[in-house]
Amino acid sequence: MTLHDDFEKLGLNESLKLVYDVHNVEIYKYDTYNRIALALNSIDVLTSKRRRYRGFILVDSFEDQSMFIQMDGNIAERQIFSYMCQFVLDKIKSIKSLTVNDIEEAISDWINFSKKQSESLAEPLQIGLFGELLFFRSLLGLIGEDSAIKSWHGPERKKVDFVLNKSFAVEIKSVSDPLSNIITISSIDQLSAGYKNHLVRVYKLVEAGVGGITIKQLFSEIFSSLTSQAQDSFVKKCYEYGYNYMNDYDGLLKLSYSNHVDFAAHKEDFPKVEGPLDPRVVDVKYKITLDNITPLDEFYLIESFSNPKTE
């Protein structure tokens, strides 16, 4: 259970007391916009004051000997605010007697962390996320937003990117060179996880100044199509992947793609490294050429989920 989950359980004007390591804290949902706040109690506050930051307000209360971090934005930013509160709590968890300076330093660390993320987004991360977002978008009409969000495991760095059910997994590979048929497999488990249907979907992406879209544009398109509850979960997934929609990244790639190709990694003739390996081999990463591998029918995925046997 995360702090965000605790926030989400609250009804309007409700609060919840929590013990976080050695600290007693309290969380609130405090207005009709469902904005939230974190109270840090038993702090030596010398004077009451209030200062505003981007997305939140920090309040020192001399009367309560507490500090309050209050959300100052719209509901779509609640997920990011939750992460910021979690970040602060993680920073102070080993400090037994909290001071105002301790909280301010943790807030400053968060701001610096956010600034570093705002400067740039590595191209491989952009390309990888772009492919996973394309597939996520395609799932919305196939299995619905709740199932699509639950199936997306890529941000959590699990064995495979999408697990649609107990027997069906999909690994996404985004290739930025349209002439290349080589994909990278990052671990021995990535294609050998034991799923009855294990697809590798390859997106051929092209950097295109005209006609291309950025990660930010693709994110916004998907975000606007979701319900408010699904939006929170979607923001969390993207943040875990490394993308913060509130940041103004420099030099985002404009990407386009014309099609995708699916391959059946579960078939015996699909090339892959499988275990068991010598226990002294601690990591395996390898490349596969897709030349001379027959792709699946383009409707294989859709037809699979029109057939109840895939469950």
Protein backbone atom coordinates (compact mmCIF):
# COMPACT_ATOMS: atom_id res chain seq x y z
CA MET A 1 0.00 0.00 0.00
CA THR A 2 1.45 3.37 -1.06
CA LEU A 3 0.80 6.83 0.29
CA HIS A 4 -1.14 7.57 -2.90
CA ASP A 5 -3.42 4.59 -2.14
CA ASP A 6 -4.03 6.00 1.34
CA PHE A 7 -4.92 9.40 -0.13
CA GLU A 8 -7.32 7.78 -2.60
CA LYS A 9 -9.24 6.01 0.19
CA LEU A 10 -10.18 9.32 1.80
CA GLY A 11 -13.61 10.85 1.36
CA LEU A 12 -14.22 14.59 1.24
CA ASN A 13 -13.10 16.34 4.48
CA GLU A 14 -11.81 13.05 5.89
CA SER A 15 -8.41 12.54 7.49
CA LEU A 16 -6.29 9.53 8.38
CA LYS A 17 -3.53 9.22 10.97
CA LEU A 18 -0.51 7.16 9.95
CA VAL A 19 2.73 6.07 11.56
CA TYR A 20 5.57 6.34 9.07
CA ASP A 21 8.72 4.83 10.56
CA VAL A 22 9.24 6.97 13.68
CA HIS A 23 6.93 9.82 12.63
CA ASN A 24 3.24 10.44 13.23
CA VAL A 25 1.66 12.00 10.17
CA GLU A 26 -1.86 12.79 9.06
CA ILE A 27 -3.34 13.03 5.58
CA TYR A 28 -6.40 15.02 4.48
CA LYS A 29 -8.76 15.49 1.57
CA TYR A 30 -9.86 19.00 2.26
CA ASP A 31 -12.02 20.68 -0.40
CA THR A 32 -14.61 20.10 -3.11
CA TYR A 33 -11.80 19.76 -5.68
CA ASN A 34 -10.57 16.65 -3.80
CA ARG A 35 -7.22 18.29 -3.12
CA ILE A 36 -5.09 16.60 -0.52
CA ALA A 37 -2.60 17.51 2.20
CA LEU A 38 0.02 15.94 4.46
CA ALA A 39 0.55 17.06 8.06
CA LEU A 40 3.87 16.43 9.82
CA ASN A 41 3.36 16.68 13.56
CA SER A 42 5.56 17.26 16.63
CA ILE A 43 7.93 19.67 14.90
CA ASP A 44 9.65 22.57 16.66
CA VAL A 45 8.01 25.47 14.78
CA LEU A 46 9.17 28.90 15.95
CA THR A 47 6.83 31.04 13.87
CA SER A 48 3.86 30.54 11.57
CA LYS A 49 4.48 31.16 7.88
CA ARG A 50 3.26 30.09 4.47
CA ARG A 51 5.08 29.81 1.12
CA ARG A 52 3.88 28.73 -2.28
CA TYR A 53 5.72 26.42 -4.68
CA ARG A 54 4.74 25.01 -8.02
CA GLY A 55 1.94 22.54 -7.29
CA PHE A 56 1.89 22.82 -3.49
CA ILE A 57 1.90 25.14 -0.47
CA LEU A 58 4.09 24.66 2.62
CA VAL A 59 2.57 25.94 5.88
CA ASP A 60 4.35 26.18 9.25
CA SER A 61 1.91 26.25 12.17
CA PHE A 62 3.30 27.55 15.46
CA GLU A 63 -0.03 26.85 17.20
CA ASP A 64 -0.08 23.16 16.18
CA GLN A 65 3.70 22.70 16.15
CA SER A 66 3.17 21.06 12.76
CA MET A 67 3.98 21.58 9.10
CA PHE A 68 1.43 21.10 6.34
CA ILE A 69 2.13 20.31 2.70
CA GLN A 70 -1.03 21.21 0.78
CA MET A 71 -1.78 20.44 -2.84
CA ASP A 72 -2.21 23.61 -4.92
CA GLY A 73 -3.32 22.43 -8.33
CA ASN A 74 -5.97 20.47 -10.19
CA ILE A 75 -7.02 16.88 -9.62
CA ALA A 76 -4.82 15.62 -12.48
CA GLU A 77 -1.76 16.60 -10.42
CA ARG A 78 -2.78 14.60 -7.34
CA GLN A 79 -0.63 11.64 -8.35
CA ILE A 80 2.51 13.81 -8.59
CA PHE A 81 1.71 15.46 -5.28
CA SER A 82 1.43 12.02 -3.66
CA TYR A 83 4.87 11.09 -4.99
CA MET A 84 6.32 14.31 -3.67
CA CYS A 85 4.92 13.60 -0.19
CA GLN A 86 6.30 10.06 -0.36
CA PHE A 87 9.68 11.47 -1.42
CA VAL A 88 9.73 13.83 1.59
CA LEU A 89 8.75 11.07 4.03
CA ASP A 90 11.48 8.81 2.66
CA LYS A 91 14.03 11.60 3.13
CA ILE A 92 13.14 12.23 6.78
CA LYS A 93 12.39 8.70 7.96
CA SER A 94 15.69 8.27 9.80
CA ILE A 95 15.50 11.65 11.60
CA LYS A 96 14.05 11.21 15.08
CA SER A 97 13.55 14.85 16.09
CA LEU A 98 12.30 16.81 13.09
CA THR A 99 12.92 20.50 12.55
CA VAL A 100 11.57 22.95 9.99
CA ASN A 101 14.96 22.86 8.27
CA ASP A 102 14.72 19.09 7.83
CA ILE A 103 11.43 19.43 5.96
CA GLU A 104 12.66 22.37 3.91
CA GLU A 105 15.77 20.41 2.88
CA ALA A 106 13.64 17.45 1.80
CA ILE A 107 11.40 19.82 -0.20
CA SER A 108 14.49 21.38 -1.78
CA ASP A 109 15.78 17.92 -2.74
CA TRP A 110 12.44 17.19 -4.42
CA ILE A 111 12.56 20.45 -6.37
CA ASN A 112 16.11 19.73 -7.53
CA PHE A 113 15.11 16.19 -8.49
CA SER A 114 12.20 17.53 -10.54
CA LYS A 115 14.43 20.10 -12.23
CA LYS A 116 16.87 17.40 -13.30
CA GLN A 117 13.99 15.49 -14.86
CA SER A 118 12.77 18.67 -16.56
CA GLU A 119 16.02 19.31 -18.40
CA SER A 120 15.94 16.36 -20.77
CA LEU A 121 14.56 12.91 -21.34
CA ALA A 122 17.02 10.34 -22.70
CA GLU A 123 16.25 9.32 -26.28
CA PRO A 124 16.20 5.56 -25.55
CA LEU A 125 13.65 6.19 -22.79
CA GLN A 126 11.51 8.29 -25.14
CA ILE A 127 11.62 5.63 -27.86
CA GLY A 128 10.87 2.79 -25.44
CA LEU A 129 7.98 4.61 -23.75
CA PHE A 130 6.58 5.72 -27.11
CA GLY A 131 6.22 2.10 -28.22
CA GLU A 132 4.62 1.02 -24.96
CA LEU A 133 2.18 3.93 -25.11
CA LEU A 134 1.22 2.99 -28.66
CA PHE A 135 0.44 -0.54 -27.53
CA PHE A 136 -1.37 0.69 -24.41
CA ARG A 137 -3.57 2.88 -26.63
CA SER A 138 -4.43 -0.09 -28.81
CA LEU A 139 -5.46 -2.11 -25.74
CA LEU A 140 -8.04 0.45 -24.60
CA GLY A 141 -10.55 -0.57 -27.24
CA LEU A 142 -9.66 -4.25 -26.95
CA ILE A 143 -9.81 -4.97 -23.20
CA GLY A 144 -10.89 -1.66 -21.62
CA GLU A 145 -8.97 0.92 -19.60
CA ASP A 146 -8.95 -0.89 -16.24
CA SER A 147 -7.55 -4.11 -17.70
CA ALA A 148 -5.13 -2.18 -19.92
CA ILE A 149 -3.65 -0.33 -16.93
CA LYS A 150 -3.38 -3.49 -14.84
CA SER A 151 -1.69 -5.32 -17.71
CA TRP A 152 1.06 -2.69 -18.17
CA HIS A 153 4.11 -3.94 -16.26
CA GLY A 154 6.84 -2.13 -18.22
CA PRO A 155 7.13 0.82 -15.80
CA GLU A 156 7.77 -1.61 -12.94
CA ARG A 157 10.70 -3.17 -14.84
CA LYS A 158 9.17 -6.64 -14.60
CA LYS A 159 10.04 -9.57 -16.87
CA VAL A 160 7.67 -8.55 -19.68
CA ASP A 161 6.01 -5.27 -20.63
CA PHE A 162 2.35 -6.38 -20.74
CA VAL A 163 0.63 -9.36 -19.12
CA LEU A 164 -2.89 -9.50 -20.53
CA ASN A 165 -3.90 -12.59 -18.59
CA LYS A 166 -2.24 -15.61 -17.00
CA SER A 167 -1.45 -17.15 -20.38
CA PHE A 168 -0.83 -14.13 -22.62
CA ALA A 169 2.10 -11.69 -22.47
CA VAL A 170 3.44 -9.10 -24.89
CA GLU A 171 6.96 -7.67 -25.06
CA ILE A 172 7.29 -4.32 -26.85
CA LYS A 173 10.34 -3.48 -28.93
CA SER A 174 10.72 -0.02 -30.44
CA VAL A 175 13.26 0.24 -33.25
CA SER A 176 14.38 3.74 -34.22
CA ASP A 177 16.23 2.63 -37.36
CA PRO A 178 13.57 1.70 -39.95
CA LEU A 179 16.13 -0.37 -41.90
CA SER A 180 17.17 -2.47 -38.90
CA ASN A 181 15.66 -5.86 -38.10
CA ILE A 182 17.63 -6.32 -34.90
CA ILE A 183 16.05 -6.18 -31.43
CA THR A 184 17.71 -6.37 -28.01
CA ILE A 185 16.59 -8.84 -25.35
CA SER A 186 17.56 -7.48 -21.94
CA SER A 187 17.37 -10.66 -19.85
CA ILE A 188 17.01 -14.41 -20.09
CA ASP A 189 13.50 -14.19 -18.59
CA GLN A 190 12.16 -11.67 -21.07
CA LEU A 191 11.20 -14.29 -23.67
CA SER A 192 11.18 -17.37 -21.44
CA ALA A 193 8.56 -16.56 -18.83
CA GLY A 194 6.37 -19.59 -19.58
CA TYR A 195 3.33 -17.90 -21.17
CA LYS A 196 1.25 -19.99 -23.61
CA ASN A 197 1.06 -16.94 -25.87
CA HIS A 198 4.11 -14.69 -25.70
CA LEU A 199 4.21 -12.04 -28.40
CA VAL A 200 6.97 -9.69 -29.39
CA ARG A 201 5.51 -6.57 -30.98
CA VAL A 202 7.98 -4.45 -32.95
CA TYR A 203 7.27 -0.81 -33.73
CA LYS A 204 9.42 0.79 -36.41
CA LEU A 205 9.70 4.42 -35.36
CA VAL A 206 10.98 7.29 -37.50
CA GLU A 207 12.10 10.68 -36.27
CA ALA A 208 9.94 13.08 -38.23
CA GLY A 209 9.90 16.85 -37.81
CA VAL A 210 6.73 17.12 -39.89
CA GLY A 211 3.94 14.70 -39.11
CA GLY A 212 5.55 13.30 -35.99
CA ILE A 213 4.36 13.65 -32.39
CA THR A 214 6.22 13.82 -29.09
CA ILE A 215 5.84 11.71 -25.98
CA LYS A 216 4.02 14.67 -24.41
CA GLN A 217 1.47 14.78 -27.26
CA LEU A 218 0.91 11.02 -27.21
CA PHE A 219 0.54 11.10 -23.42
CA SER A 220 -2.03 13.93 -23.64
CA GLU A 221 -4.04 12.13 -26.31
CA ILE A 222 -4.31 8.98 -24.19
CA PHE A 223 -4.83 10.89 -20.92
CA SER A 224 -7.80 12.82 -22.32
CA SER A 225 -9.50 9.59 -23.41
CA LEU A 226 -9.48 8.08 -19.90
CA THR A 227 -11.86 8.43 -16.97
CA SER A 228 -10.57 10.45 -14.00
CA GLN A 229 -9.84 7.31 -11.96
CA ALA A 230 -7.90 5.74 -14.82
CA GLN A 231 -6.06 9.03 -15.41
CA ASP A 232 -4.49 8.85 -11.94
CA SER A 233 -3.27 5.29 -12.53
CA PHE A 234 -1.98 6.20 -15.99
CA VAL A 235 -0.02 9.17 -14.63
CA LYS A 236 1.50 6.90 -11.97
CA LYS A 237 2.59 4.33 -14.57
CA CYS A 238 4.24 6.98 -16.75
CA TYR A 239 5.95 8.54 -13.73
CA GLU A 240 7.34 5.15 -12.71
CA TYR A 241 8.63 4.73 -16.24
CA GLY A 242 10.49 8.05 -15.94
CA TYR A 243 8.10 10.53 -17.56
CA ASN A 244 6.57 13.38 -15.54
CA TYR A 245 3.87 15.14 -17.56
CA MET A 246 4.26 18.31 -15.48
CA ASN A 247 7.84 18.83 -16.66
CA ASP A 248 8.85 20.92 -19.66
CA TYR A 249 11.43 18.66 -21.25
CA ASP A 250 13.97 20.04 -23.70
CA GLY A 251 14.34 18.58 -27.17
CA LEU A 252 11.63 15.92 -27.22
CA LEU A 253 11.78 13.69 -30.27
CA LYS A 254 9.00 13.92 -32.85
CA LEU A 255 8.27 10.34 -33.82
CA SER A 256 5.99 8.62 -36.28
CA TYR A 257 5.35 5.02 -37.24
CA SER A 258 3.59 3.39 -40.13
CA ASN A 259 2.97 -0.12 -38.83
CA HIS A 260 3.93 -2.81 -36.36
CA VAL A 261 4.82 -6.48 -36.64
CA ASP A 262 4.04 -9.27 -34.16
CA PHE A 263 6.14 -12.39 -33.61
CA ALA A 264 5.40 -15.54 -31.58
CA ALA A 265 8.19 -15.85 -29.02
CA HIS A 266 6.44 -18.85 -27.46
CA LYS A 267 7.10 -20.98 -30.53
CA GLU A 268 10.09 -23.31 -30.48
CA ASP A 269 11.54 -21.92 -33.71
CA PHE A 270 11.75 -18.36 -32.33
CA PRO A 271 15.42 -17.71 -31.44
CA LYS A 272 16.05 -17.11 -27.75
CA VAL A 273 18.41 -17.96 -24.93
CA GLU A 274 16.82 -20.22 -22.33
CA GLY A 275 17.91 -21.59 -18.99
CA PRO A 276 18.96 -23.16 -16.84
CA LEU A 277 22.33 -21.46 -17.09
CA ASP A 278 25.51 -22.00 -15.16
CA PRO A 279 24.87 -20.25 -11.78
CA ARG A 280 28.04 -18.26 -12.32
CA VAL A 281 26.33 -16.48 -15.24
CA VAL A 282 24.63 -13.58 -13.46
CA ASP A 283 23.29 -11.57 -16.39
CA VAL A 284 22.34 -12.21 -20.02
CA LYS A 285 21.64 -9.61 -22.69
CA TYR A 286 21.57 -10.45 -26.38
CA LYS A 287 20.40 -9.33 -29.83
CA ILE A 288 18.12 -11.12 -32.29
CA THR A 289 17.76 -10.53 -36.01
CA LEU A 290 14.18 -10.83 -37.21
CA ASP A 291 15.26 -11.77 -40.72
CA ASN A 292 13.74 -15.08 -41.84
CA ILE A 293 11.26 -15.20 -38.94
CA THR A 294 7.66 -15.40 -40.10
CA PRO A 295 5.48 -12.76 -38.42
CA LEU A 296 2.02 -13.45 -37.09
CA ASP A 297 -1.13 -12.37 -38.88
CA GLU A 298 -1.76 -8.70 -38.12
CA PHE A 299 -5.12 -9.58 -36.50
CA TYR A 300 -3.74 -12.33 -34.27
CA LEU A 301 -4.03 -10.31 -31.06
CA ILE A 302 -7.54 -9.06 -31.80
CA GLU A 303 -8.76 -12.53 -32.77
CA SER A 304 -7.16 -14.03 -29.66
CA PHE A 305 -9.21 -11.79 -27.41
CA SER A 306 -12.37 -12.47 -29.36
CA ASN A 307 -11.85 -16.11 -28.42
CA PRO A 308 -12.60 -16.98 -24.76
CA LYS A 309 -10.03 -19.78 -24.86
CA THR A 310 -7.24 -17.19 -24.46
CA GLU A 311 -8.23 -16.79 -20.82
